[in-house]
Amino acid sequence: MLAFRVGAALALVAPLAALGCSGAHGNEDLTIPPSGGVEENGRNESTAEAESLFMARGGDATPGVLTGVWAATIEAEGTTYEHRVHITGSAILLATRCSKDGVRAPIASVKVAAKIDESTITTLDAKTNTTTADGITCRVSTTRGTDHRCDATHDTKSGCFDLREGVLVVYRSATDALELVKQSD
């Protein structure tokens, strides 16, 4: 699942991932672990690729297509949380960059195998990466599982995603959603 929480930390909705940051004030990171726990990988295995997601983007961004680079930036409690999600047909790269008072933690990122079509996102791996600098901590986690596109079978929009004209909306609950804007294909 995909989920983000606005506030001290952010989390992508359960199986897909969690992206989070915490500042020097002990903000809590919300990660929804899969049954069996999340495997800590302890290293940022996709640093160069993750960094490229934060460079200025332009060009093609086909609306209504799930694959591509998606972005969201949220400010909370003086901290800026920049998130990027690169979805391909066979993998997902999640990256978060956190900064506060001119201090920026290194980008935290994970890349996992996935099966993607326009109605489902299935992550095949569980990974976590955490980076820290001067009291700013960024964390990215994925869990194994499948998220489905919201449809008539969802009484309320919870634990699903909507895709519409260049915007990917991920619903953690009926009242908690994150909008990611498509940056490129």
Protein backbone atom coordinates (compact mmCIF):
# COMPACT_ATOMS: atom_id res chain seq x y z
CA MET A 1 0.00 0.00 0.00
CA LEU A 2 0.95 3.63 -0.29
CA ALA A 3 0.52 6.05 2.60
CA PHE A 4 1.87 9.33 3.80
CA ARG A 5 1.21 11.18 7.00
CA VAL A 6 1.42 14.95 7.08
CA GLY A 7 3.19 16.13 10.20
CA ALA A 8 6.40 15.20 11.91
CA ALA A 9 6.79 12.09 9.79
CA LEU A 10 5.38 10.71 6.59
CA ALA A 11 4.62 7.15 5.68
CA LEU A 12 3.71 5.66 2.24
CA VAL A 13 0.37 3.43 2.87
CA ALA A 14 1.29 -0.10 4.03
CA PRO A 15 2.70 -2.61 1.60
CA LEU A 16 4.24 -0.14 -0.81
CA ALA A 17 6.29 1.98 1.52
CA ALA A 18 6.97 4.41 4.27
CA LEU A 19 8.83 7.63 3.74
CA GLY A 20 9.60 9.59 6.83
CA CYS A 21 11.71 12.22 8.47
CA SER A 22 12.17 13.34 12.01
CA GLY A 23 13.83 16.39 13.43
CA ALA A 24 15.86 17.11 16.54
CA HIS A 25 12.68 17.31 18.62
CA GLY A 26 12.18 13.54 18.64
CA ASN A 27 9.39 13.40 16.08
CA GLU A 28 8.07 9.91 15.61
CA ASP A 29 8.50 8.03 12.33
CA LEU A 30 5.38 6.13 11.33
CA THR A 31 6.25 2.96 9.50
CA ILE A 32 3.66 0.30 8.99
CA PRO A 33 5.67 -2.93 9.01
CA PRO A 34 4.51 -6.02 7.16
CA SER A 35 3.78 -9.14 9.13
CA GLY A 36 7.20 -10.57 9.91
CA GLY A 37 8.86 -7.12 10.12
CA VAL A 38 10.86 -4.94 7.79
CA GLU A 39 14.35 -5.96 6.80
CA GLU A 40 16.91 -3.23 7.65
CA ASN A 41 19.35 -3.04 4.80
CA GLY A 42 21.50 -0.37 6.47
CA ARG A 43 22.88 1.03 3.23
CA ASN A 44 21.61 3.36 0.57
CA GLU A 45 21.93 1.10 -2.45
CA SER A 46 20.46 3.47 -5.01
CA THR A 47 22.07 6.82 -4.11
CA ALA A 48 22.97 8.14 -7.59
CA GLU A 49 19.64 7.09 -9.06
CA ALA A 50 17.75 8.60 -6.10
CA GLU A 51 19.67 11.89 -6.36
CA SER A 52 18.71 12.16 -10.03
CA LEU A 53 15.02 12.14 -9.04
CA PHE A 54 15.48 15.48 -7.25
CA MET A 55 17.04 17.25 -10.23
CA ALA A 56 14.82 19.60 -12.20
CA ARG A 57 12.51 17.62 -14.42
CA GLY A 58 10.91 18.59 -17.65
CA GLY A 59 9.65 16.93 -20.73
CA ASP A 60 7.02 14.26 -21.08
CA ALA A 61 4.68 13.46 -18.22
CA THR A 62 1.83 11.44 -19.72
CA PRO A 63 -1.27 11.98 -17.56
CA GLY A 64 -3.25 8.91 -16.53
CA VAL A 65 -0.23 6.58 -16.70
CA LEU A 66 1.07 5.10 -13.43
CA THR A 67 4.68 4.59 -14.49
CA GLY A 68 7.01 7.55 -14.17
CA VAL A 69 8.44 9.90 -11.54
CA TRP A 70 6.05 11.32 -8.93
CA ALA A 71 6.76 14.09 -6.39
CA ALA A 72 5.33 15.59 -3.21
CA THR A 73 6.76 18.22 -0.89
CA ILE A 74 5.34 18.82 2.56
CA GLU A 75 6.34 21.35 5.20
CA ALA A 76 5.57 20.58 8.84
CA GLU A 77 7.00 21.88 12.10
CA GLY A 78 9.74 23.78 10.25
CA THR A 79 10.94 20.71 8.38
CA THR A 80 10.68 20.22 4.61
CA TYR A 81 10.00 16.68 3.39
CA GLU A 82 10.63 16.09 -0.32
CA HIS A 83 9.48 12.74 -1.67
CA ARG A 84 10.05 11.09 -5.01
CA VAL A 85 8.65 7.80 -6.27
CA HIS A 86 9.88 6.31 -9.55
CA ILE A 87 7.55 3.56 -10.76
CA THR A 88 8.51 1.28 -13.65
CA GLY A 89 6.87 -1.94 -14.80
CA SER A 90 9.26 -4.05 -12.70
CA ALA A 91 10.61 -1.84 -9.87
CA ILE A 92 9.87 1.05 -7.53
CA LEU A 93 12.50 3.51 -6.29
CA LEU A 94 11.41 5.51 -3.22
CA ALA A 95 13.45 8.47 -2.03
CA THR A 96 13.04 11.15 0.60
CA ARG A 97 15.10 14.23 1.35
CA CYS A 98 14.59 16.07 4.65
CA SER A 99 15.85 19.50 5.65
CA LYS A 100 15.43 21.91 8.54
CA ASP A 101 17.11 25.23 9.37
CA GLY A 102 19.55 24.88 6.48
CA VAL A 103 20.57 21.32 7.46
CA ARG A 104 19.81 18.54 4.98
CA ALA A 105 20.08 14.85 5.78
CA PRO A 106 21.45 12.62 3.00
CA ILE A 107 18.74 11.19 0.75
CA ALA A 108 17.26 7.95 2.08
CA SER A 109 16.18 5.55 -0.66
CA VAL A 110 15.28 1.98 -1.45
CA LYS A 111 14.68 0.21 -4.75
CA VAL A 112 12.50 -2.89 -4.80
CA ALA A 113 11.24 -5.37 -7.35
CA ALA A 114 7.58 -4.84 -8.20
CA LYS A 115 4.76 -5.83 -10.53
CA ILE A 116 2.87 -2.81 -11.84
CA ASP A 117 -0.17 -2.36 -14.02
CA GLU A 118 -2.71 0.44 -14.14
CA SER A 119 -4.88 -1.12 -11.41
CA THR A 120 -2.39 -2.69 -8.99
CA ILE A 121 1.00 -2.06 -7.42
CA THR A 122 2.63 -5.16 -5.96
CA THR A 123 5.93 -4.81 -4.09
CA LEU A 124 7.98 -7.98 -3.86
CA ASP A 125 10.60 -6.88 -1.29
CA ALA A 126 10.73 -5.36 2.19
CA LYS A 127 13.60 -2.90 2.73
CA THR A 128 14.47 0.06 4.95
CA ASN A 129 17.06 2.81 4.64
CA THR A 130 17.70 5.56 7.22
CA THR A 131 20.06 8.55 6.96
CA THR A 132 20.92 11.16 9.61
CA ALA A 133 22.71 14.52 9.73
CA ASP A 134 22.76 17.02 12.63
CA GLY A 135 19.54 15.78 14.24
CA ILE A 136 17.60 15.35 10.98
CA THR A 137 16.70 11.74 10.20
CA CYS A 138 15.17 10.48 6.93
CA ARG A 139 13.73 6.99 6.58
CA VAL A 140 12.34 5.00 3.67
CA SER A 141 10.72 1.57 4.02
CA THR A 142 8.90 -0.83 1.76
CA THR A 143 6.83 -3.83 2.69
CA ARG A 144 5.65 -6.76 0.61
CA GLY A 145 2.06 -6.54 -0.59
CA THR A 146 -0.43 -5.24 -3.13
CA ASP A 147 -2.29 -1.94 -3.42
CA HIS A 148 -5.32 -1.69 -5.69
CA ARG A 149 -6.80 1.21 -7.55
CA CYS A 150 -9.82 2.62 -5.68
CA ASP A 151 -13.08 1.47 -7.25
CA ALA A 152 -16.71 0.75 -6.40
CA THR A 153 -15.68 -2.10 -4.07
CA HIS A 154 -14.07 0.44 -1.71
CA ASP A 155 -16.88 1.80 0.49
CA THR A 156 -14.51 4.52 1.62
CA LYS A 157 -11.21 5.40 0.05
CA SER A 158 -8.78 3.64 2.36
CA GLY A 159 -5.68 1.63 1.48
CA CYS A 160 -6.02 2.27 -2.24
CA PHE A 161 -4.88 4.75 -4.89
CA ASP A 162 -6.49 6.97 -7.53
CA LEU A 163 -4.80 8.03 -10.73
CA ARG A 164 -6.13 11.04 -12.57
CA GLU A 165 -4.63 13.48 -15.05
CA GLY A 166 -1.09 13.79 -13.72
CA VAL A 167 -1.95 13.25 -10.04
CA LEU A 168 -1.54 10.04 -8.02
CA VAL A 169 -3.62 10.17 -4.83
CA VAL A 170 -2.76 7.60 -2.19
CA TYR A 171 -5.38 7.00 0.51
CA ARG A 172 -4.26 5.70 3.87
CA SER A 173 -7.77 6.34 5.20
CA ALA A 174 -10.82 8.27 4.06
CA THR A 175 -9.41 11.40 5.71
CA ASP A 176 -5.66 10.87 5.15
CA ALA A 177 -4.41 11.14 1.58
CA LEU A 178 -1.32 12.34 -0.22
CA GLU A 179 -1.25 13.82 -3.71
CA LEU A 180 1.84 13.13 -5.78
CA VAL A 181 2.27 15.14 -8.98
CA LYS A 182 3.75 13.48 -12.04
CA GLN A 183 7.15 14.92 -12.98
CA SER A 184 8.08 12.78 -15.98
CA ASP A 185 7.49 9.45 -17.70
